[in-house]
Amino acid sequence: MSNNNPDQAFWERVNAIINAANAQCDAADPNHVTASTMYAAARFNAFIVANGTGSAENMKPEKERALDYFTEQFRQMMAENLDDFIANFDKYLEPIPQQS
């Protein structure tokens, strides 16, 4: 995992966010919910970069590095989770009957 040795608080935050997204799927298309969660993550991460740099001037030279970092982190996390779902598909989801 990209976040080396996550603690219990990490998993509690992850589960809280997933639970909020799942609850929204009751009233919204899951594709719309995923777009909202990705936008929220991008917005929050932009805030973290802005907060860490302290000014717009300091932020400008960090933009490409931040894009590279967050893009690579997301790609690694997405690959790990896709592999997990492939390995545990029947455990996580009810199989969809194949159409003949």
PDB file of N, CA and C in Angstrom:
ATOM      1  N   MET A   1       0.837  -1.171   0.000  1.00  0.00           N
ATOM      2  CA  MET A   1       0.000   0.000   0.000  1.00  0.00           C
ATOM      3  C   MET A   1       0.880   1.231   0.000  1.00  0.00           C
ATOM      4  N   SER A   2       0.394   2.284  -0.617  1.00  0.00           N
ATOM      5  CA  SER A   2       1.161   3.513  -0.762  1.00  0.00           C
ATOM      6  C   SER A   2       1.418   4.214   0.569  1.00  0.00           C
ATOM      7  N   ASN A   3       0.474   4.131   1.480  1.00  0.00           N
ATOM      8  CA  ASN A   3       0.640   4.738   2.804  1.00  0.00           C
ATOM      9  C   ASN A   3       1.255   3.665   3.701  1.00  0.00           C
ATOM     10  N   ASN A   4       2.578   3.717   3.901  1.00  0.00           N
ATOM     11  CA  ASN A   4       3.280   2.667   4.640  1.00  0.00           C
ATOM     12  C   ASN A   4       2.713   2.477   6.036  1.00  0.00           C
ATOM     13  N   ASN A   5       2.341   1.235   6.325  1.00  0.00           N
ATOM     14  CA  ASN A   5       1.863   0.844   7.651  1.00  0.00           C
ATOM     15  C   ASN A   5       0.766   1.755   8.200  1.00  0.00           C
ATOM     16  N   PRO A   6      -0.383   1.821   7.523  1.00  0.00           N
ATOM     17  CA  PRO A   6      -1.460   2.669   8.049  1.00  0.00           C
ATOM     18  C   PRO A   6      -1.963   2.155   9.394  1.00  0.00           C
ATOM     19  N   ASP A   7      -2.303   3.094  10.268  1.00  0.00           N
ATOM     20  CA  ASP A   7      -2.801   2.719  11.586  1.00  0.00           C
ATOM     21  C   ASP A   7      -4.326   2.598  11.566  1.00  0.00           C
ATOM     22  N   GLN A   8      -4.907   2.259  12.691  1.00  0.00           N
ATOM     23  CA  GLN A   8      -6.351   2.066  12.801  1.00  0.00           C
ATOM     24  C   GLN A   8      -7.115   3.341  12.443  1.00  0.00           C
ATOM     25  N   ALA A   9      -6.599   4.496  12.832  1.00  0.00           N
ATOM     26  CA  ALA A   9      -7.268   5.762  12.522  1.00  0.00           C
ATOM     27  C   ALA A   9      -7.358   5.983  11.012  1.00  0.00           C
ATOM     28  N   PHE A  10      -6.318   5.575  10.277  1.00  0.00           N
ATOM     29  CA  PHE A  10      -6.339   5.657   8.814  1.00  0.00           C
ATOM     30  C   PHE A  10      -7.531   4.891   8.260  1.00  0.00           C
ATOM     31  N   TRP A  11      -7.676   3.624   8.696  1.00  0.00           N
ATOM     32  CA  TRP A  11      -8.766   2.787   8.186  1.00  0.00           C
ATOM     33  C   TRP A  11     -10.130   3.317   8.616  1.00  0.00           C
ATOM     34  N   GLU A  12     -10.225   3.905   9.785  1.00  0.00           N
ATOM     35  CA  GLU A  12     -11.493   4.502  10.227  1.00  0.00           C
ATOM     36  C   GLU A  12     -11.872   5.680   9.333  1.00  0.00           C
ATOM     37  N   ARG A  13     -10.884   6.507   8.948  1.00  0.00           N
ATOM     38  CA  ARG A  13     -11.159   7.618   8.023  1.00  0.00           C
ATOM     39  C   ARG A  13     -11.581   7.087   6.656  1.00  0.00           C
ATOM     40  N   VAL A  14     -10.864   6.075   6.168  1.00  0.00           N
ATOM     41  CA  VAL A  14     -11.215   5.472   4.880  1.00  0.00           C
ATOM     42  C   VAL A  14     -12.649   4.965   4.914  1.00  0.00           C
ATOM     43  N   ASN A  15     -12.987   4.206   5.938  1.00  0.00           N
ATOM     44  CA  ASN A  15     -14.333   3.643   6.041  1.00  0.00           C
ATOM     45  C   ASN A  15     -15.407   4.715   6.179  1.00  0.00           C
ATOM     46  N   ALA A  16     -15.124   5.790   6.889  1.00  0.00           N
ATOM     47  CA  ALA A  16     -16.098   6.879   7.026  1.00  0.00           C
ATOM     48  C   ALA A  16     -16.396   7.512   5.668  1.00  0.00           C
ATOM     49  N   ILE A  17     -15.359   7.704   4.865  1.00  0.00           N
ATOM     50  CA  ILE A  17     -15.551   8.295   3.536  1.00  0.00           C
ATOM     51  C   ILE A  17     -16.301   7.329   2.622  1.00  0.00           C
ATOM     52  N   ILE A  18     -15.926   6.053   2.653  1.00  0.00           N
ATOM     53  CA  ILE A  18     -16.623   5.047   1.833  1.00  0.00           C
ATOM     54  C   ILE A  18     -18.084   4.942   2.260  1.00  0.00           C
ATOM     55  N   ASN A  19     -18.346   4.937   3.558  1.00  0.00           N
ATOM     56  CA  ASN A  19     -19.727   4.857   4.043  1.00  0.00           C
ATOM     57  C   ASN A  19     -20.547   6.062   3.588  1.00  0.00           C
ATOM     58  N   ALA A  20     -19.946   7.251   3.608  1.00  0.00           N
ATOM     59  CA  ALA A  20     -20.663   8.450   3.136  1.00  0.00           C
ATOM     60  C   ALA A  20     -20.966   8.327   1.648  1.00  0.00           C
ATOM     61  N   ALA A  21     -20.019   7.849   0.867  1.00  0.00           N
ATOM     62  CA  ALA A  21     -20.245   7.673  -0.575  1.00  0.00           C
ATOM     63  C   ALA A  21     -21.316   6.615  -0.825  1.00  0.00           C
ATOM     64  N   ASN A  22     -21.245   5.497  -0.107  1.00  0.00           N
ATOM     65  CA  ASN A  22     -22.259   4.450  -0.272  1.00  0.00           C
ATOM     66  C   ASN A  22     -23.657   4.977   0.063  1.00  0.00           C
ATOM     67  N   ALA A  23     -23.770   5.770   1.105  1.00  0.00           N
ATOM     68  CA  ALA A  23     -25.073   6.332   1.485  1.00  0.00           C
ATOM     69  C   ALA A  23     -25.613   7.244   0.384  1.00  0.00           C
ATOM     70  N   GLN A  24     -24.728   7.973  -0.264  1.00  0.00           N
ATOM     71  CA  GLN A  24     -25.171   8.855  -1.349  1.00  0.00           C
ATOM     72  C   GLN A  24     -25.661   8.076  -2.558  1.00  0.00           C
ATOM     73  N   CYS A  25     -25.190   6.845  -2.717  1.00  0.00           N
ATOM     74  CA  CYS A  25     -25.623   6.016  -3.843  1.00  0.00           C
ATOM     75  C   CYS A  25     -27.094   5.627  -3.743  1.00  0.00           C
ATOM     76  N   ASP A  26     -27.687   5.770  -2.559  1.00  0.00           N
ATOM     77  CA  ASP A  26     -29.116   5.486  -2.401  1.00  0.00           C
ATOM     78  C   ASP A  26     -29.966   6.496  -3.174  1.00  0.00           C
ATOM     79  N   ALA A  27     -29.462   7.722  -3.321  1.00  0.00           N
ATOM     80  CA  ALA A  27     -30.249   8.786  -3.959  1.00  0.00           C
ATOM     81  C   ALA A  27     -29.631   9.297  -5.257  1.00  0.00           C
ATOM     82  N   ALA A  28     -28.441   8.819  -5.600  1.00  0.00           N
ATOM     83  CA  ALA A  28     -27.759   9.326  -6.791  1.00  0.00           C
ATOM     84  C   ALA A  28     -27.114   8.174  -7.548  1.00  0.00           C
ATOM     85  N   ASP A  29     -26.915   8.381  -8.827  1.00  0.00           N
ATOM     86  CA  ASP A  29     -26.224   7.413  -9.674  1.00  0.00           C
ATOM     87  C   ASP A  29     -24.803   7.222  -9.128  1.00  0.00           C
ATOM     88  N   PRO A  30     -24.367   5.977  -8.925  1.00  0.00           N
ATOM     89  CA  PRO A  30     -23.011   5.744  -8.412  1.00  0.00           C
ATOM     90  C   PRO A  30     -21.919   6.413  -9.253  1.00  0.00           C
ATOM     91  N   ASN A  31     -22.118   6.537 -10.559  1.00  0.00           N
ATOM     92  CA  ASN A  31     -21.138   7.233 -11.395  1.00  0.00           C
ATOM     93  C   ASN A  31     -21.039   8.709 -11.026  1.00  0.00           C
ATOM     94  N   HIS A  32     -22.149   9.307 -10.611  1.00  0.00           N
ATOM     95  CA  HIS A  32     -22.135  10.699 -10.165  1.00  0.00           C
ATOM     96  C   HIS A  32     -21.465  10.810  -8.797  1.00  0.00           C
ATOM     97  N   VAL A  33     -21.693   9.820  -7.953  1.00  0.00           N
ATOM     98  CA  VAL A  33     -21.066   9.817  -6.625  1.00  0.00           C
ATOM     99  C   VAL A  33     -19.555   9.682  -6.767  1.00  0.00           C
ATOM    100  N   THR A  34     -19.088   8.803  -7.646  1.00  0.00           N
ATOM    101  CA  THR A  34     -17.646   8.659  -7.810  1.00  0.00           C
ATOM    102  C   THR A  34     -17.023   9.935  -8.352  1.00  0.00           C
ATOM    103  N   ALA A  35     -17.729  10.616  -9.258  1.00  0.00           N
ATOM    104  CA  ALA A  35     -17.209  11.895  -9.763  1.00  0.00           C
ATOM    105  C   ALA A  35     -17.110  12.907  -8.623  1.00  0.00           C
ATOM    106  N   SER A  36     -18.106  12.916  -7.750  1.00  0.00           N
ATOM    107  CA  SER A  36     -18.084  13.834  -6.603  1.00  0.00           C
ATOM    108  C   SER A  36     -16.945  13.506  -5.644  1.00  0.00           C
ATOM    109  N   THR A  37     -16.728  12.223  -5.379  1.00  0.00           N
ATOM    110  CA  THR A  37     -15.661  11.864  -4.437  1.00  0.00           C
ATOM    111  C   THR A  37     -14.283  12.164  -5.019  1.00  0.00           C
ATOM    112  N   MET A  38     -14.111  11.942  -6.336  1.00  0.00           N
ATOM    113  CA  MET A  38     -12.819  12.275  -6.945  1.00  0.00           C
ATOM    114  C   MET A  38     -12.586  13.781  -6.927  1.00  0.00           C
ATOM    115  N   TYR A  39     -13.641  14.558  -7.207  1.00  0.00           N
ATOM    116  CA  TYR A  39     -13.486  16.011  -7.178  1.00  0.00           C
ATOM    117  C   TYR A  39     -13.160  16.472  -5.753  1.00  0.00           C
ATOM    118  N   ALA A  40     -13.850  15.903  -4.772  1.00  0.00           N
ATOM    119  CA  ALA A  40     -13.595  16.274  -3.380  1.00  0.00           C
ATOM    120  C   ALA A  40     -12.160  15.955  -2.978  1.00  0.00           C
ATOM    121  N   ALA A  41     -11.656  14.795  -3.389  1.00  0.00           N
ATOM    122  CA  ALA A  41     -10.276  14.431  -3.075  1.00  0.00           C
ATOM    123  C   ALA A  41      -9.304  15.409  -3.737  1.00  0.00           C
ATOM    124  N   ALA A  42      -9.565  15.747  -5.003  1.00  0.00           N
ATOM    125  CA  ALA A  42      -8.698  16.697  -5.696  1.00  0.00           C
ATOM    126  C   ALA A  42      -8.738  18.067  -5.026  1.00  0.00           C
ATOM    127  N   ARG A  43      -9.925  18.500  -4.643  1.00  0.00           N
ATOM    128  CA  ARG A  43     -10.066  19.807  -3.989  1.00  0.00           C
ATOM    129  C   ARG A  43      -9.342  19.825  -2.650  1.00  0.00           C
ATOM    130  N   PHE A  44      -9.509  18.772  -1.863  1.00  0.00           N
ATOM    131  CA  PHE A  44      -8.855  18.705  -0.561  1.00  0.00           C
ATOM    132  C   PHE A  44      -7.338  18.652  -0.723  1.00  0.00           C
ATOM    133  N   ASN A  45      -6.862  17.865  -1.684  1.00  0.00           N
ATOM    134  CA  ASN A  45      -5.420  17.766  -1.903  1.00  0.00           C
ATOM    135  C   ASN A  45      -4.836  19.080  -2.393  1.00  0.00           C
ATOM    136  N   ALA A  46      -5.581  19.828  -3.223  1.00  0.00           N
ATOM    137  CA  ALA A  46      -5.124  21.159  -3.635  1.00  0.00           C
ATOM    138  C   ALA A  46      -5.023  22.076  -2.416  1.00  0.00           C
ATOM    139  N   PHE A  47      -5.976  21.953  -1.500  1.00  0.00           N
ATOM    140  CA  PHE A  47      -5.926  22.729  -0.257  1.00  0.00           C
ATOM    141  C   PHE A  47      -4.676  22.374   0.551  1.00  0.00           C
ATOM    142  N   ILE A  48      -4.354  21.084   0.640  1.00  0.00           N
ATOM    143  CA  ILE A  48      -3.175  20.644   1.393  1.00  0.00           C
ATOM    144  C   ILE A  48      -1.907  21.237   0.782  1.00  0.00           C
ATOM    145  N   VAL A  49      -1.810  21.217  -0.543  1.00  0.00           N
ATOM    146  CA  VAL A  49      -0.645  21.803  -1.215  1.00  0.00           C
ATOM    147  C   VAL A  49      -0.599  23.302  -0.951  1.00  0.00           C
ATOM    148  N   ALA A  50      -1.736  23.981  -1.091  1.00  0.00           N
ATOM    149  CA  ALA A  50      -1.783  25.430  -0.855  1.00  0.00           C
ATOM    150  C   ALA A  50      -1.382  25.755   0.578  1.00  0.00           C
ATOM    151  N   ASN A  51      -1.926  25.014   1.516  1.00  0.00           N
ATOM    152  CA  ASN A  51      -1.626  25.239   2.926  1.00  0.00           C
ATOM    153  C   ASN A  51      -0.146  25.001   3.227  1.00  0.00           C
ATOM    154  N   GLY A  52       0.428  24.004   2.586  1.00  0.00           N
ATOM    155  CA  GLY A  52       1.832  23.670   2.816  1.00  0.00           C
ATOM    156  C   GLY A  52       2.811  24.639   2.178  1.00  0.00           C
ATOM    157  N   THR A  53       2.381  25.320   1.122  1.00  0.00           N
ATOM    158  CA  THR A  53       3.288  26.249   0.442  1.00  0.00           C
ATOM    159  C   THR A  53       3.172  27.660   0.985  1.00  0.00           C
ATOM    160  N   GLY A  54       2.008  28.014   1.524  1.00  0.00           N
ATOM    161  CA  GLY A  54       1.855  29.295   2.193  1.00  0.00           C
ATOM    162  C   GLY A  54       1.496  30.491   1.331  1.00  0.00           C
ATOM    163  N   SER A  55       1.667  30.400   0.019  1.00  0.00           N
ATOM    164  CA  SER A  55       1.291  31.528  -0.846  1.00  0.00           C
ATOM    165  C   SER A  55       1.129  31.028  -2.272  1.00  0.00           C
ATOM    166  N   ALA A  56       0.402  31.824  -3.070  1.00  0.00           N
ATOM    167  CA  ALA A  56       0.220  31.478  -4.476  1.00  0.00           C
ATOM    168  C   ALA A  56       1.559  31.447  -5.202  1.00  0.00           C
ATOM    169  N   GLU A  57       2.430  32.385  -4.876  1.00  0.00           N
ATOM    170  CA  GLU A  57       3.757  32.418  -5.514  1.00  0.00           C
ATOM    171  C   GLU A  57       4.556  31.162  -5.209  1.00  0.00           C
ATOM    172  N   ASN A  58       4.539  30.716  -3.965  1.00  0.00           N
ATOM    173  CA  ASN A  58       5.251  29.496  -3.590  1.00  0.00           C
ATOM    174  C   ASN A  58       4.586  28.253  -4.176  1.00  0.00           C
ATOM    175  N   MET A  59       3.283  28.336  -4.404  1.00  0.00           N
ATOM    176  CA  MET A  59       2.537  27.193  -4.901  1.00  0.00           C
ATOM    177  C   MET A  59       2.806  26.923  -6.380  1.00  0.00           C
ATOM    178  N   LYS A  60       3.017  27.977  -7.137  1.00  0.00           N
ATOM    179  CA  LYS A  60       3.205  27.817  -8.591  1.00  0.00           C
ATOM    180  C   LYS A  60       4.294  26.811  -8.956  1.00  0.00           C
ATOM    181  N   PRO A  61       5.498  26.914  -8.381  1.00  0.00           N
ATOM    182  CA  PRO A  61       6.529  25.948  -8.776  1.00  0.00           C
ATOM    183  C   PRO A  61       6.275  24.531  -8.242  1.00  0.00           C
ATOM    184  N   GLU A  62       5.356  24.371  -7.303  1.00  0.00           N
ATOM    185  CA  GLU A  62       5.044  23.054  -6.742  1.00  0.00           C
ATOM    186  C   GLU A  62       3.942  22.330  -7.516  1.00  0.00           C
ATOM    187  N   LYS A  63       3.277  23.037  -8.415  1.00  0.00           N
ATOM    188  CA  LYS A  63       2.112  22.471  -9.104  1.00  0.00           C
ATOM    189  C   LYS A  63       2.434  21.161  -9.811  1.00  0.00           C
ATOM    190  N   GLU A  64       3.451  21.130 -10.665  1.00  0.00           N
ATOM    191  CA  GLU A  64       3.764  19.916 -11.417  1.00  0.00           C
ATOM    192  C   GLU A  64       4.196  18.777 -10.508  1.00  0.00           C
ATOM    193  N   ARG A  65       4.974  19.106  -9.487  1.00  0.00           N
ATOM    194  CA  ARG A  65       5.394  18.064  -8.544  1.00  0.00           C
ATOM    195  C   ARG A  65       4.188  17.484  -7.812  1.00  0.00           C
ATOM    196  N   ALA A  66       3.258  18.342  -7.415  1.00  0.00           N
ATOM    197  CA  ALA A  66       2.040  17.875  -6.738  1.00  0.00           C
ATOM    198  C   ALA A  66       1.201  17.013  -7.680  1.00  0.00           C
ATOM    199  N   LEU A  67       1.049  17.451  -8.925  1.00  0.00           N
ATOM    200  CA  LEU A  67       0.296  16.650  -9.897  1.00  0.00           C
ATOM    201  C   LEU A  67       0.931  15.281 -10.086  1.00  0.00           C
ATOM    202  N   ASP A  68       2.235  15.241 -10.229  1.00  0.00           N
ATOM    203  CA  ASP A  68       2.930  13.967 -10.391  1.00  0.00           C
ATOM    204  C   ASP A  68       2.733  13.079  -9.170  1.00  0.00           C
ATOM    205  N   TYR A  69       2.910  13.656  -7.986  1.00  0.00           N
ATOM    206  CA  TYR A  69       2.795  12.876  -6.747  1.00  0.00           C
ATOM    207  C   TYR A  69       1.386  12.302  -6.580  1.00  0.00           C
ATOM    208  N   PHE A  70       0.375  13.161  -6.647  1.00  0.00           N
ATOM    209  CA  PHE A  70      -0.991  12.691  -6.396  1.00  0.00           C
ATOM    210  C   PHE A  70      -1.481  11.751  -7.496  1.00  0.00           C
ATOM    211  N   THR A  71      -1.074  11.997  -8.733  1.00  0.00           N
ATOM    212  CA  THR A  71      -1.457  11.100  -9.826  1.00  0.00           C
ATOM    213  C   THR A  71      -0.847   9.723  -9.619  1.00  0.00           C
ATOM    214  N   GLU A  72       0.430   9.669  -9.280  1.00  0.00           N
ATOM    215  CA  GLU A  72       1.091   8.382  -9.052  1.00  0.00           C
ATOM    216  C   GLU A  72       0.499   7.663  -7.834  1.00  0.00           C
ATOM    217  N   GLN A  73       0.234   8.393  -6.767  1.00  0.00           N
ATOM    218  CA  GLN A  73      -0.369   7.780  -5.577  1.00  0.00           C
ATOM    219  C   GLN A  73      -1.734   7.191  -5.915  1.00  0.00           C
ATOM    220  N   PHE A  74      -2.561   7.948  -6.646  1.00  0.00           N
ATOM    221  CA  PHE A  74      -3.889   7.440  -7.014  1.00  0.00           C
ATOM    222  C   PHE A  74      -3.755   6.204  -7.889  1.00  0.00           C
ATOM    223  N   ARG A  75      -2.841   6.245  -8.851  1.00  0.00           N
ATOM    224  CA  ARG A  75      -2.653   5.097  -9.744  1.00  0.00           C
ATOM    225  C   ARG A  75      -2.261   3.853  -8.940  1.00  0.00           C
ATOM    226  N   GLN A  76      -1.334   3.983  -8.000  1.00  0.00           N
ATOM    227  CA  GLN A  76      -0.924   2.845  -7.180  1.00  0.00           C
ATOM    228  C   GLN A  76      -2.087   2.328  -6.333  1.00  0.00           C
ATOM    229  N   MET A  77      -2.814   3.241  -5.704  1.00  0.00           N
ATOM    230  CA  MET A  77      -3.941   2.830  -4.854  1.00  0.00           C
ATOM    231  C   MET A  77      -5.036   2.174  -5.681  1.00  0.00           C
ATOM    232  N   MET A  78      -5.301   2.726  -6.864  1.00  0.00           N
ATOM    233  CA  MET A  78      -6.326   2.153  -7.741  1.00  0.00           C
ATOM    234  C   MET A  78      -5.907   0.763  -8.199  1.00  0.00           C
ATOM    235  N   ALA A  79      -4.648   0.589  -8.589  1.00  0.00           N
ATOM    236  CA  ALA A  79      -4.152  -0.729  -9.016  1.00  0.00           C
ATOM    237  C   ALA A  79      -4.274  -1.744  -7.884  1.00  0.00           C
ATOM    238  N   GLU A  80      -3.897  -1.349  -6.669  1.00  0.00           N
ATOM    239  CA  GLU A  80      -3.993  -2.256  -5.519  1.00  0.00           C
ATOM    240  C   GLU A  80      -5.440  -2.657  -5.264  1.00  0.00           C
ATOM    241  N   ASN A  81      -6.349  -1.704  -5.350  1.00  0.00           N
ATOM    242  CA  ASN A  81      -7.754  -2.007  -5.090  1.00  0.00           C
ATOM    243  C   ASN A  81      -8.387  -2.813  -6.209  1.00  0.00           C
ATOM    244  N   LEU A  82      -8.019  -2.556  -7.464  1.00  0.00           N
ATOM    245  CA  LEU A  82      -8.519  -3.386  -8.563  1.00  0.00           C
ATOM    246  C   LEU A  82      -8.034  -4.822  -8.398  1.00  0.00           C
ATOM    247  N   ASP A  83      -6.759  -4.997  -8.069  1.00  0.00           N
ATOM    248  CA  ASP A  83      -6.226  -6.344  -7.828  1.00  0.00           C
ATOM    249  C   ASP A  83      -6.972  -7.031  -6.689  1.00  0.00           C
ATOM    250  N   ASP A  84      -7.264  -6.286  -5.618  1.00  0.00           N
ATOM    251  CA  ASP A  84      -7.991  -6.838  -4.484  1.00  0.00           C
ATOM    252  C   ASP A  84      -9.390  -7.288  -4.894  1.00  0.00           C
ATOM    253  N   PHE A  85     -10.081  -6.460  -5.688  1.00  0.00           N
ATOM    254  CA  PHE A  85     -11.428  -6.834  -6.133  1.00  0.00           C
ATOM    255  C   PHE A  85     -11.392  -8.015  -7.089  1.00  0.00           C
ATOM    256  N   ILE A  86     -10.363  -8.089  -7.947  1.00  0.00           N
ATOM    257  CA  ILE A  86     -10.228  -9.241  -8.844  1.00  0.00           C
ATOM    258  C   ILE A  86     -10.045 -10.514  -8.021  1.00  0.00           C
ATOM    259  N   ALA A  87      -9.198 -10.449  -7.010  1.00  0.00           N
ATOM    260  CA  ALA A  87      -8.914 -11.623  -6.177  1.00  0.00           C
ATOM    261  C   ALA A  87     -10.091 -12.000  -5.287  1.00  0.00           C
ATOM    262  N   ASN A  88     -10.943 -11.043  -4.941  1.00  0.00           N
ATOM    263  CA  ASN A  88     -12.017 -11.288  -3.969  1.00  0.00           C
ATOM    264  C   ASN A  88     -13.390 -10.929  -4.509  1.00  0.00           C
ATOM    265  N   PHE A  89     -13.559 -10.982  -5.818  1.00  0.00           N
ATOM    266  CA  PHE A  89     -14.795 -10.513  -6.435  1.00  0.00           C
ATOM    267  C   PHE A  89     -16.035 -11.140  -5.820  1.00  0.00           C
ATOM    268  N   ASP A  90     -16.062 -12.461  -5.747  1.00  0.00           N
ATOM    269  CA  ASP A  90     -17.244 -13.146  -5.220  1.00  0.00           C
ATOM    270  C   ASP A  90     -17.491 -12.835  -3.746  1.00  0.00           C
ATOM    271  N   LYS A  91     -16.442 -12.533  -3.019  1.00  0.00           N
ATOM    272  CA  LYS A  91     -16.579 -12.173  -1.597  1.00  0.00           C
ATOM    273  C   LYS A  91     -17.162 -10.763  -1.461  1.00  0.00           C
ATOM    274  N   TYR A  92     -16.750  -9.832  -2.340  1.00  0.00           N
ATOM    275  CA  TYR A  92     -17.166  -8.427  -2.239  1.00  0.00           C
ATOM    276  C   TYR A  92     -18.478  -8.118  -2.957  1.00  0.00           C
ATOM    277  N   LEU A  93     -18.727  -8.827  -4.060  1.00  0.00           N
ATOM    278  CA  LEU A  93     -19.909  -8.552  -4.887  1.00  0.00           C
ATOM    279  C   LEU A  93     -20.603  -9.848  -5.258  1.00  0.00           C
ATOM    280  N   GLU A  94     -21.898  -9.744  -5.428  1.00  0.00           N
ATOM    281  CA  GLU A  94     -22.644 -10.888  -5.927  1.00  0.00           C
ATOM    282  C   GLU A  94     -22.337 -11.027  -7.409  1.00  0.00           C
ATOM    283  N   PRO A  95     -21.969 -12.214  -7.868  1.00  0.00           N
ATOM    284  CA  PRO A  95     -21.686 -12.376  -9.291  1.00  0.00           C
ATOM    285  C   PRO A  95     -22.917 -12.049 -10.138  1.00  0.00           C
ATOM    286  N   ILE A  96     -22.680 -11.400 -11.276  1.00  0.00           N
ATOM    287  CA  ILE A  96     -23.750 -11.076 -12.218  1.00  0.00           C
ATOM    288  C   ILE A  96     -23.865 -12.238 -13.181  1.00  0.00           C
ATOM    289  N   PRO A  97     -25.081 -12.809 -13.305  1.00  0.00           N
ATOM    290  CA  PRO A  97     -25.228 -13.941 -14.231  1.00  0.00           C
ATOM    291  C   PRO A  97     -24.882 -13.522 -15.663  1.00  0.00           C
ATOM    292  N   GLN A  98     -24.186 -14.403 -16.361  1.00  0.00           N
ATOM    293  CA  GLN A  98     -23.807 -14.132 -17.743  1.00  0.00           C
ATOM    294  C   GLN A  98     -25.024 -14.318 -18.646  1.00  0.00           C
ATOM    295  N   GLN A  99     -25.196 -13.406 -19.581  1.00  0.00           N
ATOM    296  CA  GLN A  99     -26.264 -13.495 -20.583  1.00  0.00           C
ATOM    297  C   GLN A  99     -25.822 -14.472 -21.664  1.00  0.00           C
ATOM    298  N   SER A 100     -26.743 -15.321 -22.099  1.00  0.00           N
ATOM    299  CA  SER A 100     -26.371 -16.230 -23.189  1.00  0.00           C
ATOM    300  C   SER A 100     -27.143 -15.922 -24.432  1.00  0.00           C
TER     301      SER A 100
END
